[in-house]
PDB file of N, CA and C in Angstrom:
ATOM      1  N   MET A   1      24.728 -36.083  -1.043  1.00  0.00           N
ATOM      2  CA  MET A   1      25.936 -35.321  -0.701  1.00  0.00           C
ATOM      3  C   MET A   1      27.154 -36.186  -0.913  1.00  0.00           C
ATOM      4  N   SER A   2      28.193 -35.564  -1.359  1.00  0.00           N
ATOM      5  CA  SER A   2      29.419 -36.339  -1.575  1.00  0.00           C
ATOM      6  C   SER A   2      30.065 -36.686  -0.185  1.00  0.00           C
ATOM      7  N   ARG A   3      30.814 -37.726  -0.202  1.00  0.00           N
ATOM      8  CA  ARG A   3      31.505 -38.184   1.015  1.00  0.00           C
ATOM      9  C   ARG A   3      32.420 -37.095   1.571  1.00  0.00           C
ATOM     10  N   PHE A   4      33.126 -36.402   0.731  1.00  0.00           N
ATOM     11  CA  PHE A   4      34.029 -35.331   1.127  1.00  0.00           C
ATOM     12  C   PHE A   4      33.307 -34.235   1.899  1.00  0.00           C
ATOM     13  N   VAL A   5      32.165 -33.800   1.354  1.00  0.00           N
ATOM     14  CA  VAL A   5      31.412 -32.712   1.976  1.00  0.00           C
ATOM     15  C   VAL A   5      30.890 -33.147   3.371  1.00  0.00           C
ATOM     16  N   VAL A   6      30.437 -34.362   3.440  1.00  0.00           N
ATOM     17  CA  VAL A   6      29.945 -34.915   4.751  1.00  0.00           C
ATOM     18  C   VAL A   6      31.107 -34.975   5.738  1.00  0.00           C
ATOM     19  N   ARG A   7      32.247 -35.479   5.292  1.00  0.00           N
ATOM     20  CA  ARG A   7      33.423 -35.602   6.194  1.00  0.00           C
ATOM     21  C   ARG A   7      33.888 -34.237   6.660  1.00  0.00           C
ATOM     22  N   TRP A   8      33.895 -33.233   5.720  1.00  0.00           N
ATOM     23  CA  TRP A   8      34.260 -31.882   6.009  1.00  0.00           C
ATOM     24  C   TRP A   8      33.328 -31.260   7.057  1.00  0.00           C
ATOM     25  N   ALA A   9      32.018 -31.445   6.878  1.00  0.00           N
ATOM     26  CA  ALA A   9      31.056 -30.912   7.784  1.00  0.00           C
ATOM     27  C   ALA A   9      31.179 -31.556   9.214  1.00  0.00           C
ATOM     28  N   VAL A  10      31.450 -32.833   9.242  1.00  0.00           N
ATOM     29  CA  VAL A  10      31.680 -33.512  10.529  1.00  0.00           C
ATOM     30  C   VAL A  10      32.923 -32.952  11.222  1.00  0.00           C
ATOM     31  N   THR A  11      33.994 -32.793  10.469  1.00  0.00           N
ATOM     32  CA  THR A  11      35.218 -32.226  11.038  1.00  0.00           C
ATOM     33  C   THR A  11      34.989 -30.816  11.496  1.00  0.00           C
ATOM     34  N   ALA A  12      34.258 -29.989  10.726  1.00  0.00           N
ATOM     35  CA  ALA A  12      33.959 -28.566  11.144  1.00  0.00           C
ATOM     36  C   ALA A  12      33.137 -28.596  12.357  1.00  0.00           C
ATOM     37  N   ALA A  13      32.187 -29.442  12.514  1.00  0.00           N
ATOM     38  CA  ALA A  13      31.375 -29.464  13.760  1.00  0.00           C
ATOM     39  C   ALA A  13      32.270 -29.863  14.926  1.00  0.00           C
ATOM     40  N   ALA A  14      33.143 -30.815  14.730  1.00  0.00           N
ATOM     41  CA  ALA A  14      34.027 -31.300  15.784  1.00  0.00           C
ATOM     42  C   ALA A  14      34.971 -30.161  16.223  1.00  0.00           C
ATOM     43  N   VAL A  15      35.509 -29.435  15.241  1.00  0.00           N
ATOM     44  CA  VAL A  15      36.349 -28.283  15.583  1.00  0.00           C
ATOM     45  C   VAL A  15      35.593 -27.202  16.365  1.00  0.00           C
ATOM     46  N   ALA A  16      34.341 -26.971  15.955  1.00  0.00           N
ATOM     47  CA  ALA A  16      33.497 -25.980  16.685  1.00  0.00           C
ATOM     48  C   ALA A  16      33.288 -26.402  18.061  1.00  0.00           C
ATOM     49  N   VAL A  17      33.056 -27.701  18.328  1.00  0.00           N
ATOM     50  CA  VAL A  17      32.812 -28.216  19.665  1.00  0.00           C
ATOM     51  C   VAL A  17      34.117 -27.985  20.519  1.00  0.00           C
ATOM     52  N   ALA A  18      35.286 -28.273  19.864  1.00  0.00           N
ATOM     53  CA  ALA A  18      36.561 -28.132  20.607  1.00  0.00           C
ATOM     54  C   ALA A  18      36.748 -26.641  20.992  1.00  0.00           C
ATOM     55  N   THR A  19      36.451 -25.679  20.065  1.00  0.00           N
ATOM     56  CA  THR A  19      36.635 -24.317  20.421  1.00  0.00           C
ATOM     57  C   THR A  19      35.638 -23.890  21.499  1.00  0.00           C
ATOM     58  N   TRP A  20      34.539 -24.553  21.606  1.00  0.00           N
ATOM     59  CA  TRP A  20      33.551 -24.227  22.598  1.00  0.00           C
ATOM     60  C   TRP A  20      33.924 -24.796  23.982  1.00  0.00           C
ATOM     61  N   ILE A  21      34.575 -26.005  23.978  1.00  0.00           N
ATOM     62  CA  ILE A  21      34.838 -26.701  25.264  1.00  0.00           C
ATOM     63  C   ILE A  21      36.223 -26.291  25.841  1.00  0.00           C
ATOM     64  N   VAL A  22      37.244 -26.268  24.987  1.00  0.00           N
ATOM     65  CA  VAL A  22      38.603 -26.077  25.467  1.00  0.00           C
ATOM     66  C   VAL A  22      38.920 -24.538  25.493  1.00  0.00           C
ATOM     67  N   PRO A  23      39.197 -24.039  26.691  1.00  0.00           N
ATOM     68  CA  PRO A  23      39.441 -22.587  26.721  1.00  0.00           C
ATOM     69  C   PRO A  23      40.672 -22.087  26.004  1.00  0.00           C
ATOM     70  N   GLY A  24      41.675 -22.999  25.746  1.00  0.00           N
ATOM     71  CA  GLY A  24      42.842 -22.578  25.079  1.00  0.00           C
ATOM     72  C   GLY A  24      42.785 -22.702  23.523  1.00  0.00           C
ATOM     73  N   ILE A  25      41.607 -23.076  23.011  1.00  0.00           N
ATOM     74  CA  ILE A  25      41.440 -23.095  21.561  1.00  0.00           C
ATOM     75  C   ILE A  25      40.276 -22.132  21.244  1.00  0.00           C
ATOM     76  N   TYR A  26      40.592 -21.163  20.367  1.00  0.00           N
ATOM     77  CA  TYR A  26      39.584 -20.192  20.012  1.00  0.00           C
ATOM     78  C   TYR A  26      39.817 -19.562  18.630  1.00  0.00           C
ATOM     79  N   VAL A  27      38.794 -18.977  18.083  1.00  0.00           N
ATOM     80  CA  VAL A  27      38.807 -18.365  16.750  1.00  0.00           C
ATOM     81  C   VAL A  27      38.509 -16.891  17.001  1.00  0.00           C
ATOM     82  N   ASP A  28      39.363 -15.996  16.614  1.00  0.00           N
ATOM     83  CA  ASP A  28      39.190 -14.536  16.689  1.00  0.00           C
ATOM     84  C   ASP A  28      38.871 -13.936  15.337  1.00  0.00           C
ATOM     85  N   GLU A  29      37.769 -14.350  14.790  1.00  0.00           N
ATOM     86  CA  GLU A  29      37.387 -13.882  13.449  1.00  0.00           C
ATOM     87  C   GLU A  29      35.966 -13.442  13.498  1.00  0.00           C
ATOM     88  N   PRO A  30      35.625 -12.374  12.804  1.00  0.00           N
ATOM     89  CA  PRO A  30      34.245 -11.904  12.790  1.00  0.00           C
ATOM     90  C   PRO A  30      33.306 -12.941  12.088  1.00  0.00           C
ATOM     91  N   HIS A  31      33.841 -13.658  11.115  1.00  0.00           N
ATOM     92  CA  HIS A  31      33.086 -14.666  10.393  1.00  0.00           C
ATOM     93  C   HIS A  31      33.533 -16.038  10.894  1.00  0.00           C
ATOM     94  N   ARG A  32      33.129 -16.359  12.121  1.00  0.00           N
ATOM     95  CA  ARG A  32      33.575 -17.547  12.794  1.00  0.00           C
ATOM     96  C   ARG A  32      33.206 -18.812  12.051  1.00  0.00           C
ATOM     97  N   ILE A  33      32.107 -18.918  11.430  1.00  0.00           N
ATOM     98  CA  ILE A  33      31.655 -20.125  10.750  1.00  0.00           C
ATOM     99  C   ILE A  33      32.637 -20.405   9.572  1.00  0.00           C
ATOM    100  N   TRP A  34      32.946 -19.403   8.804  1.00  0.00           N
ATOM    101  CA  TRP A  34      33.853 -19.609   7.655  1.00  0.00           C
ATOM    102  C   TRP A  34      35.254 -19.984   8.122  1.00  0.00           C
ATOM    103  N   ALA A  35      35.649 -19.398   9.250  1.00  0.00           N
ATOM    104  CA  ALA A  35      36.963 -19.683   9.843  1.00  0.00           C
ATOM    105  C   ALA A  35      37.038 -21.144  10.238  1.00  0.00           C
ATOM    106  N   VAL A  36      35.994 -21.650  10.907  1.00  0.00           N
ATOM    107  CA  VAL A  36      35.949 -23.023  11.367  1.00  0.00           C
ATOM    108  C   VAL A  36      35.953 -23.962  10.155  1.00  0.00           C
ATOM    109  N   LEU A  37      35.229 -23.625   9.102  1.00  0.00           N
ATOM    110  CA  LEU A  37      35.201 -24.424   7.917  1.00  0.00           C
ATOM    111  C   LEU A  37      36.604 -24.510   7.262  1.00  0.00           C
ATOM    112  N   LEU A  38      37.268 -23.376   7.220  1.00  0.00           N
ATOM    113  CA  LEU A  38      38.636 -23.315   6.667  1.00  0.00           C
ATOM    114  C   LEU A  38      39.638 -24.105   7.517  1.00  0.00           C
ATOM    115  N   VAL A  39      39.462 -23.960   8.901  1.00  0.00           N
ATOM    116  CA  VAL A  39      40.341 -24.710   9.785  1.00  0.00           C
ATOM    117  C   VAL A  39      40.122 -26.219   9.598  1.00  0.00           C
ATOM    118  N   SER A  40      38.906 -26.656   9.411  1.00  0.00           N
ATOM    119  CA  SER A  40      38.665 -28.094   9.262  1.00  0.00           C
ATOM    120  C   SER A  40      39.236 -28.582   7.945  1.00  0.00           C
ATOM    121  N   LEU A  41      39.226 -27.707   6.895  1.00  0.00           N
ATOM    122  CA  LEU A  41      39.832 -28.109   5.636  1.00  0.00           C
ATOM    123  C   LEU A  41      41.317 -28.237   5.778  1.00  0.00           C
ATOM    124  N   VAL A  42      41.981 -27.260   6.405  1.00  0.00           N
ATOM    125  CA  VAL A  42      43.409 -27.318   6.624  1.00  0.00           C
ATOM    126  C   VAL A  42      43.778 -28.513   7.516  1.00  0.00           C
ATOM    127  N   LEU A  43      43.000 -28.774   8.548  1.00  0.00           N
ATOM    128  CA  LEU A  43      43.250 -29.900   9.429  1.00  0.00           C
ATOM    129  C   LEU A  43      43.118 -31.198   8.635  1.00  0.00           C
ATOM    130  N   GLY A  44      42.149 -31.263   7.773  1.00  0.00           N
ATOM    131  CA  GLY A  44      41.992 -32.464   6.954  1.00  0.00           C
ATOM    132  C   GLY A  44      43.207 -32.708   6.014  1.00  0.00           C
ATOM    133  N   LEU A  45      43.706 -31.594   5.426  1.00  0.00           N
ATOM    134  CA  LEU A  45      44.862 -31.716   4.579  1.00  0.00           C
ATOM    135  C   LEU A  45      46.149 -32.132   5.345  1.00  0.00           C
ATOM    136  N   VAL A  46      46.312 -31.511   6.536  1.00  0.00           N
ATOM    137  CA  VAL A  46      47.458 -31.879   7.391  1.00  0.00           C
ATOM    138  C   VAL A  46      47.404 -33.345   7.836  1.00  0.00           C
ATOM    139  N   ASN A  47      46.153 -33.835   8.178  1.00  0.00           N
ATOM    140  CA  ASN A  47      45.984 -35.205   8.582  1.00  0.00           C
ATOM    141  C   ASN A  47      46.208 -36.131   7.404  1.00  0.00           C
ATOM    142  N   ALA A  48      45.881 -35.683   6.171  1.00  0.00           N
ATOM    143  CA  ALA A  48      46.014 -36.560   5.012  1.00  0.00           C
ATOM    144  C   ALA A  48      47.483 -36.713   4.568  1.00  0.00           C
ATOM    145  N   PHE A  49      48.263 -35.658   4.750  1.00  0.00           N
ATOM    146  CA  PHE A  49      49.610 -35.684   4.139  1.00  0.00           C
ATOM    147  C   PHE A  49      50.709 -35.827   5.212  1.00  0.00           C
ATOM    148  N   ILE A  50      50.565 -35.265   6.380  1.00  0.00           N
ATOM    149  CA  ILE A  50      51.660 -35.266   7.336  1.00  0.00           C
ATOM    150  C   ILE A  50      51.499 -36.364   8.397  1.00  0.00           C
ATOM    151  N   ARG A  51      50.281 -36.553   8.871  1.00  0.00           N
ATOM    152  CA  ARG A  51      50.039 -37.553   9.924  1.00  0.00           C
ATOM    153  C   ARG A  51      50.541 -38.971   9.528  1.00  0.00           C
ATOM    154  N   PRO A  52      50.307 -39.455   8.337  1.00  0.00           N
ATOM    155  CA  PRO A  52      50.800 -40.850   7.995  1.00  0.00           C
ATOM    156  C   PRO A  52      52.339 -40.895   8.128  1.00  0.00           C
ATOM    157  N   VAL A  53      53.015 -39.843   7.810  1.00  0.00           N
ATOM    158  CA  VAL A  53      54.489 -39.894   7.927  1.00  0.00           C
ATOM    159  C   VAL A  53      54.878 -39.966   9.388  1.00  0.00           C
ATOM    160  N   LEU A  54      54.238 -39.175  10.255  1.00  0.00           N
ATOM    161  CA  LEU A  54      54.509 -39.264  11.698  1.00  0.00           C
ATOM    162  C   LEU A  54      54.135 -40.578  12.309  1.00  0.00           C
ATOM    163  N   TYR A  55      53.039 -41.193  11.815  1.00  0.00           N
ATOM    164  CA  TYR A  55      52.668 -42.510  12.309  1.00  0.00           C
ATOM    165  C   TYR A  55      53.754 -43.520  11.945  1.00  0.00           C
ATOM    166  N   ALA A  56      54.256 -43.419  10.702  1.00  0.00           N
ATOM    167  CA  ALA A  56      55.305 -44.376  10.275  1.00  0.00           C
ATOM    168  C   ALA A  56      56.586 -44.198  11.091  1.00  0.00           C
ATOM    169  N   LEU A  57      56.946 -42.936  11.357  1.00  0.00           N
ATOM    170  CA  LEU A  57      58.190 -42.667  12.064  1.00  0.00           C
ATOM    171  C   LEU A  57      58.109 -43.045  13.507  1.00  0.00           C
ATOM    172  N   SER A  58      56.879 -43.010  14.080  1.00  0.00           N
ATOM    173  CA  SER A  58      56.748 -43.230  15.527  1.00  0.00           C
ATOM    174  C   SER A  58      55.982 -44.532  15.818  1.00  0.00           C
ATOM    175  N   CYS A  59      55.985 -45.505  14.916  1.00  0.00           N
ATOM    176  CA  CYS A  59      55.185 -46.724  15.167  1.00  0.00           C
ATOM    177  C   CYS A  59      55.720 -47.434  16.363  1.00  0.00           C
ATOM    178  N   GLY A  60      56.963 -47.394  16.691  1.00  0.00           N
ATOM    179  CA  GLY A  60      57.508 -48.040  17.895  1.00  0.00           C
ATOM    180  C   GLY A  60      56.908 -47.432  19.181  1.00  0.00           C
ATOM    181  N   LEU A  61      56.845 -46.117  19.228  1.00  0.00           N
ATOM    182  CA  LEU A  61      56.269 -45.411  20.374  1.00  0.00           C
ATOM    183  C   LEU A  61      54.784 -45.721  20.496  1.00  0.00           C
ATOM    184  N   ILE A  62      54.147 -45.795  19.361  1.00  0.00           N
ATOM    185  CA  ILE A  62      52.665 -46.102  19.370  1.00  0.00           C
ATOM    186  C   ILE A  62      52.480 -47.496  19.968  1.00  0.00           C
ATOM    187  N   VAL A  63      53.248 -48.457  19.609  1.00  0.00           N
ATOM    188  CA  VAL A  63      53.141 -49.818  20.097  1.00  0.00           C
ATOM    189  C   VAL A  63      53.467 -49.864  21.578  1.00  0.00           C
ATOM    190  N   ILE A  64      54.559 -49.177  21.980  1.00  0.00           N
ATOM    191  CA  ILE A  64      54.985 -49.226  23.372  1.00  0.00           C
ATOM    192  C   ILE A  64      53.973 -48.585  24.277  1.00  0.00           C
ATOM    193  N   THR A  65      53.301 -47.519  23.844  1.00  0.00           N
ATOM    194  CA  THR A  65      52.305 -46.795  24.652  1.00  0.00           C
ATOM    195  C   THR A  65      50.896 -47.320  24.477  1.00  0.00           C
ATOM    196  N   LEU A  66      50.753 -48.406  23.772  1.00  0.00           N
ATOM    197  CA  LEU A  66      49.478 -49.075  23.465  1.00  0.00           C
ATOM    198  C   LEU A  66      48.532 -48.111  22.768  1.00  0.00           C
ATOM    199  N   GLY A  67      49.085 -47.306  21.874  1.00  0.00           N
ATOM    200  CA  GLY A  67      48.305 -46.407  21.043  1.00  0.00           C
ATOM    201  C   GLY A  67      48.063 -45.014  21.609  1.00  0.00           C
ATOM    202  N   LEU A  68      48.494 -44.789  22.871  1.00  0.00           N
ATOM    203  CA  LEU A  68      48.280 -43.412  23.462  1.00  0.00           C
ATOM    204  C   LEU A  68      49.095 -42.391  22.789  1.00  0.00           C
ATOM    205  N   PHE A  69      50.197 -42.718  22.152  1.00  0.00           N
ATOM    206  CA  PHE A  69      51.016 -41.719  21.510  1.00  0.00           C
ATOM    207  C   PHE A  69      50.296 -41.090  20.277  1.00  0.00           C
ATOM    208  N   THR A  70      49.288 -41.777  19.804  1.00  0.00           N
ATOM    209  CA  THR A  70      48.456 -41.217  18.709  1.00  0.00           C
ATOM    210  C   THR A  70      47.780 -39.931  19.107  1.00  0.00           C
ATOM    211  N   LEU A  71      47.451 -39.844  20.411  1.00  0.00           N
ATOM    212  CA  LEU A  71      46.871 -38.575  20.916  1.00  0.00           C
ATOM    213  C   LEU A  71      47.882 -37.433  20.800  1.00  0.00           C
ATOM    214  N   VAL A  72      49.090 -37.744  21.046  1.00  0.00           N
ATOM    215  CA  VAL A  72      50.171 -36.738  20.977  1.00  0.00           C
ATOM    216  C   VAL A  72      50.308 -36.293  19.520  1.00  0.00           C
ATOM    217  N   ILE A  73      50.315 -37.301  18.612  1.00  0.00           N
ATOM    218  CA  ILE A  73      50.404 -36.986  17.126  1.00  0.00           C
ATOM    219  C   ILE A  73      49.207 -36.113  16.700  1.00  0.00           C
ATOM    220  N   ASN A  74      47.984 -36.498  17.111  1.00  0.00           N
ATOM    221  CA  ASN A  74      46.797 -35.735  16.752  1.00  0.00           C
ATOM    222  C   ASN A  74      46.859 -34.325  17.322  1.00  0.00           C
ATOM    223  N   GLY A  75      47.410 -34.196  18.528  1.00  0.00           N
ATOM    224  CA  GLY A  75      47.516 -32.832  19.143  1.00  0.00           C
ATOM    225  C   GLY A  75      48.516 -32.074  18.311  1.00  0.00           C
ATOM    226  N   LEU A  76      49.597 -32.620  17.910  1.00  0.00           N
ATOM    227  CA  LEU A  76      50.592 -31.905  17.081  1.00  0.00           C
ATOM    228  C   LEU A  76      49.990 -31.526  15.709  1.00  0.00           C
ATOM    229  N   MET A  77      49.141 -32.339  15.191  1.00  0.00           N
ATOM    230  CA  MET A  77      48.477 -32.017  13.899  1.00  0.00           C
ATOM    231  C   MET A  77      47.531 -30.797  14.088  1.00  0.00           C
ATOM    232  N   LEU A  78      46.869 -30.758  15.185  1.00  0.00           N
ATOM    233  CA  LEU A  78      45.969 -29.551  15.473  1.00  0.00           C
ATOM    234  C   LEU A  78      46.792 -28.320  15.698  1.00  0.00           C
ATOM    235  N   TRP A  79      47.892 -28.501  16.396  1.00  0.00           N
ATOM    236  CA  TRP A  79      48.800 -27.339  16.613  1.00  0.00           C
ATOM    237  C   TRP A  79      49.372 -26.862  15.282  1.00  0.00           C
ATOM    238  N   LEU A  80      49.781 -27.760  14.430  1.00  0.00           N
ATOM    239  CA  LEU A  80      50.314 -27.429  13.132  1.00  0.00           C
ATOM    240  C   LEU A  80      49.244 -26.666  12.283  1.00  0.00           C
ATOM    241  N   ALA A  81      48.047 -27.188  12.322  1.00  0.00           N
ATOM    242  CA  ALA A  81      46.930 -26.526  11.580  1.00  0.00           C
ATOM    243  C   ALA A  81      46.723 -25.109  12.084  1.00  0.00           C
ATOM    244  N   SER A  82      46.833 -24.956  13.419  1.00  0.00           N
ATOM    245  CA  SER A  82      46.686 -23.643  13.956  1.00  0.00           C
ATOM    246  C   SER A  82      47.807 -22.718  13.467  1.00  0.00           C
ATOM    247  N   TYR A  83      49.006 -23.197  13.438  1.00  0.00           N
ATOM    248  CA  TYR A  83      50.144 -22.396  12.942  1.00  0.00           C
ATOM    249  C   TYR A  83      49.941 -22.060  11.461  1.00  0.00           C
ATOM    250  N   ILE A  84      49.519 -22.970  10.679  1.00  0.00           N
ATOM    251  CA  ILE A  84      49.263 -22.673   9.264  1.00  0.00           C
ATOM    252  C   ILE A  84      48.180 -21.639   9.095  1.00  0.00           C
ATOM    253  N   MET A  85      47.159 -21.793   9.911  1.00  0.00           N
ATOM    254  CA  MET A  85      46.001 -20.792   9.832  1.00  0.00           C
ATOM    255  C   MET A  85      46.495 -19.400  10.175  1.00  0.00           C
ATOM    256  N   VAL A  86      47.250 -19.228  11.239  1.00  0.00           N
ATOM    257  CA  VAL A  86      47.643 -17.902  11.670  1.00  0.00           C
ATOM    258  C   VAL A  86      48.771 -17.332  10.816  1.00  0.00           C
ATOM    259  N   GLU A  87      49.841 -18.099  10.648  1.00  0.00           N
ATOM    260  CA  GLU A  87      50.991 -17.619   9.916  1.00  0.00           C
ATOM    261  C   GLU A  87      50.839 -17.672   8.386  1.00  0.00           C
ATOM    262  N   GLY A  88      50.252 -18.762   7.884  1.00  0.00           N
ATOM    263  CA  GLY A  88      50.182 -18.884   6.419  1.00  0.00           C
ATOM    264  C   GLY A  88      49.005 -18.226   5.799  1.00  0.00           C
ATOM    265  N   ILE A  89      47.818 -18.345   6.442  1.00  0.00           N
ATOM    266  CA  ILE A  89      46.587 -17.875   5.824  1.00  0.00           C
ATOM    267  C   ILE A  89      46.087 -16.538   6.409  1.00  0.00           C
ATOM    268  N   GLY A  90      46.432 -16.313   7.684  1.00  0.00           N
ATOM    269  CA  GLY A  90      46.005 -15.066   8.319  1.00  0.00           C
ATOM    270  C   GLY A  90      44.714 -15.199   9.095  1.00  0.00           C
ATOM    271  N   ILE A  91      44.147 -16.362   9.250  1.00  0.00           N
ATOM    272  CA  ILE A  91      42.937 -16.549  10.028  1.00  0.00           C
ATOM    273  C   ILE A  91      43.396 -16.799  11.516  1.00  0.00           C
ATOM    274  N   ARG A  92      42.789 -16.109  12.383  1.00  0.00           N
ATOM    275  CA  ARG A  92      43.216 -16.173  13.788  1.00  0.00           C
ATOM    276  C   ARG A  92      42.503 -17.332  14.546  1.00  0.00           C
ATOM    277  N   PHE A  93      43.038 -18.494  14.271  1.00  0.00           N
ATOM    278  CA  PHE A  93      42.603 -19.735  14.969  1.00  0.00           C
ATOM    279  C   PHE A  93      43.773 -20.088  15.872  1.00  0.00           C
ATOM    280  N   HIS A  94      43.570 -19.999  17.223  1.00  0.00           N
ATOM    281  CA  HIS A  94      44.679 -20.203  18.157  1.00  0.00           C
ATOM    282  C   HIS A  94      44.494 -21.486  18.998  1.00  0.00           C
ATOM    283  N   VAL A  95      45.581 -22.183  19.129  1.00  0.00           N
ATOM    284  CA  VAL A  95      45.693 -23.330  20.059  1.00  0.00           C
ATOM    285  C   VAL A  95      46.849 -22.984  20.963  1.00  0.00           C
ATOM    286  N   GLU A  96      46.530 -22.659  22.214  1.00  0.00           N
ATOM    287  CA  GLU A  96      47.506 -22.231  23.189  1.00  0.00           C
ATOM    288  C   GLU A  96      48.057 -23.378  24.000  1.00  0.00           C
ATOM    289  N   GLY A  97      49.231 -23.799  23.638  1.00  0.00           N
ATOM    290  CA  GLY A  97      49.845 -24.853  24.448  1.00  0.00           C
ATOM    291  C   GLY A  97      49.607 -26.269  23.976  1.00  0.00           C
ATOM    292  N   PHE A  98      50.599 -27.109  24.357  1.00  0.00           N
ATOM    293  CA  PHE A  98      50.551 -28.504  23.944  1.00  0.00           C
ATOM    294  C   PHE A  98      49.338 -29.266  24.492  1.00  0.00           C
ATOM    295  N   TRP A  99      49.098 -29.099  25.785  1.00  0.00           N
ATOM    296  CA  TRP A  99      48.025 -29.875  26.395  1.00  0.00           C
ATOM    297  C   TRP A  99      46.645 -29.446  25.887  1.00  0.00           C
ATOM    298  N   ASN A 100      46.485 -28.171  25.550  1.00  0.00           N
ATOM    299  CA  ASN A 100      45.263 -27.754  24.940  1.00  0.00           C
ATOM    300  C   ASN A 100      45.064 -28.405  23.548  1.00  0.00           C
ATOM    301  N   ALA A 101      46.186 -28.513  22.813  1.00  0.00           N
ATOM    302  CA  ALA A 101      46.169 -29.171  21.507  1.00  0.00           C
ATOM    303  C   ALA A 101      45.789 -30.638  21.661  1.00  0.00           C
ATOM    304  N   VAL A 102      46.334 -31.347  22.663  1.00  0.00           N
ATOM    305  CA  VAL A 102      46.055 -32.755  22.861  1.00  0.00           C
ATOM    306  C   VAL A 102      44.570 -32.925  23.261  1.00  0.00           C
ATOM    307  N   LEU A 103      44.076 -32.064  24.210  1.00  0.00           N
ATOM    308  CA  LEU A 103      42.678 -32.149  24.622  1.00  0.00           C
ATOM    309  C   LEU A 103      41.783 -31.827  23.485  1.00  0.00           C
ATOM    310  N   GLY A 104      42.093 -30.795  22.688  1.00  0.00           N
ATOM    311  CA  GLY A 104      41.304 -30.443  21.540  1.00  0.00           C
ATOM    312  C   GLY A 104      41.265 -31.541  20.541  1.00  0.00           C
ATOM    313  N   ALA A 105      42.404 -32.212  20.273  1.00  0.00           N
ATOM    314  CA  ALA A 105      42.434 -33.321  19.294  1.00  0.00           C
ATOM    315  C   ALA A 105      41.594 -34.493  19.827  1.00  0.00           C
ATOM    316  N   LEU A 106      41.659 -34.764  21.139  1.00  0.00           N
ATOM    317  CA  LEU A 106      40.824 -35.813  21.723  1.00  0.00           C
ATOM    318  C   LEU A 106      39.332 -35.516  21.501  1.00  0.00           C
ATOM    319  N   ILE A 107      38.934 -34.255  21.774  1.00  0.00           N
ATOM    320  CA  ILE A 107      37.534 -33.861  21.633  1.00  0.00           C
ATOM    321  C   ILE A 107      37.154 -33.936  20.139  1.00  0.00           C
ATOM    322  N   ILE A 108      37.986 -33.490  19.259  1.00  0.00           N
ATOM    323  CA  ILE A 108      37.661 -33.546  17.842  1.00  0.00           C
ATOM    324  C   ILE A 108      37.525 -35.001  17.352  1.00  0.00           C
ATOM    325  N   SER A 109      38.338 -35.883  17.889  1.00  0.00           N
ATOM    326  CA  SER A 109      38.265 -37.279  17.506  1.00  0.00           C
ATOM    327  C   SER A 109      37.020 -37.910  18.025  1.00  0.00           C
ATOM    328  N   VAL A 110      36.677 -37.674  19.257  1.00  0.00           N
ATOM    329  CA  VAL A 110      35.418 -38.263  19.825  1.00  0.00           C
ATOM    330  C   VAL A 110      34.203 -37.743  19.125  1.00  0.00           C
ATOM    331  N   VAL A 111      34.114 -36.404  18.925  1.00  0.00           N
ATOM    332  CA  VAL A 111      32.962 -35.829  18.270  1.00  0.00           C
ATOM    333  C   VAL A 111      32.831 -36.336  16.817  1.00  0.00           C
ATOM    334  N   SER A 112      33.990 -36.440  16.126  1.00  0.00           N
ATOM    335  CA  SER A 112      33.987 -36.882  14.756  1.00  0.00           C
ATOM    336  C   SER A 112      33.499 -38.349  14.648  1.00  0.00           C
ATOM    337  N   VAL A 113      33.946 -39.201  15.556  1.00  0.00           N
ATOM    338  CA  VAL A 113      33.499 -40.596  15.528  1.00  0.00           C
ATOM    339  C   VAL A 113      31.997 -40.662  15.843  1.00  0.00           C
ATOM    340  N   GLY A 114      31.589 -39.966  16.818  1.00  0.00           N
ATOM    341  CA  GLY A 114      30.127 -39.919  17.164  1.00  0.00           C
ATOM    342  C   GLY A 114      29.299 -39.417  16.036  1.00  0.00           C
ATOM    343  N   LEU A 115      29.616 -38.303  15.406  1.00  0.00           N
ATOM    344  CA  LEU A 115      28.844 -37.780  14.334  1.00  0.00           C
ATOM    345  C   LEU A 115      28.947 -38.706  13.095  1.00  0.00           C
ATOM    346  N   SER A 116      30.102 -39.340  12.846  1.00  0.00           N
ATOM    347  CA  SER A 116      30.194 -40.228  11.701  1.00  0.00           C
ATOM    348  C   SER A 116      29.288 -41.462  11.928  1.00  0.00           C
ATOM    349  N   LEU A 117      29.253 -41.966  13.139  1.00  0.00           N
ATOM    350  CA  LEU A 117      28.353 -43.086  13.447  1.00  0.00           C
ATOM    351  C   LEU A 117      26.883 -42.675  13.257  1.00  0.00           C
ATOM    352  N   PHE A 118      26.543 -41.504  13.718  1.00  0.00           N
ATOM    353  CA  PHE A 118      25.180 -41.014  13.590  1.00  0.00           C
ATOM    354  C   PHE A 118      24.810 -40.777  12.132  1.00  0.00           C
ATOM    355  N   MET A 119      25.733 -40.215  11.330  1.00  0.00           N
ATOM    356  CA  MET A 119      25.502 -39.978   9.921  1.00  0.00           C
ATOM    357  C   MET A 119      25.442 -41.267   9.168  1.00  0.00           C
ATOM    358  N   GLY A 120      26.284 -42.232   9.572  1.00  0.00           N
ATOM    359  CA  GLY A 120      26.300 -43.566   8.925  1.00  0.00           C
ATOM    360  C   GLY A 120      25.077 -44.416   9.168  1.00  0.00           C
ATOM    361  N   SER A 121      24.415 -44.166  10.285  1.00  0.00           N
ATOM    362  CA  SER A 121      23.201 -44.965  10.581  1.00  0.00           C
ATOM    363  C   SER A 121      22.050 -44.549   9.765  1.00  0.00           C
ATOM    364  N   LYS A 122      22.088 -43.371   9.110  1.00  0.00           N
ATOM    365  CA  LYS A 122      20.949 -42.908   8.328  1.00  0.00           C
ATOM    366  C   LYS A 122      21.173 -43.373   6.875  1.00  0.00           C
ATOM    367  N   ARG A 123      22.304 -43.889   6.482  1.00  0.00           N
ATOM    368  CA  ARG A 123      22.454 -44.318   5.135  1.00  0.00           C
ATOM    369  C   ARG A 123      21.696 -45.585   4.822  1.00  0.00           C
ATOM    370  N   SER A 124      21.223 -45.683   3.626  1.00  0.00           N
ATOM    371  CA  SER A 124      20.468 -46.869   3.214  1.00  0.00           C
ATOM    372  C   SER A 124      21.347 -47.743   2.308  1.00  0.00           C
ATOM    373  N   GLY A 125      21.289 -49.011   2.426  1.00  0.00           N
ATOM    374  CA  GLY A 125      22.001 -49.901   1.505  1.00  0.00           C
ATOM    375  C   GLY A 125      23.406 -49.895   1.861  1.00  0.00           C
TER     376      GLY A 125
END
């Protein structure tokens, strides 16, 4: 499998876990699996293009807060992905409120790291 597909699957699984755990994050689509796959793709694109700019602009806050401000940035990226999904694409993926976005981003990060470590341990060479 290509690295992109594995990373996409890991992110999709992490988004699914976040929608299952956080009551303020949900998908109102009849084809929930496809919606979660699309959300993870949009989240990956937002993280690839917008998050580095925000990290560069807020590096002082990140240093002052000993890295905790990255949780705020990740929450904002999840919130932005939700907005793009609803307003731009028409998929009903909702993140209600800032703190739900931060909690969801934290869960997505933890699950992604855990799954990546698990998937990486099976690689040979």
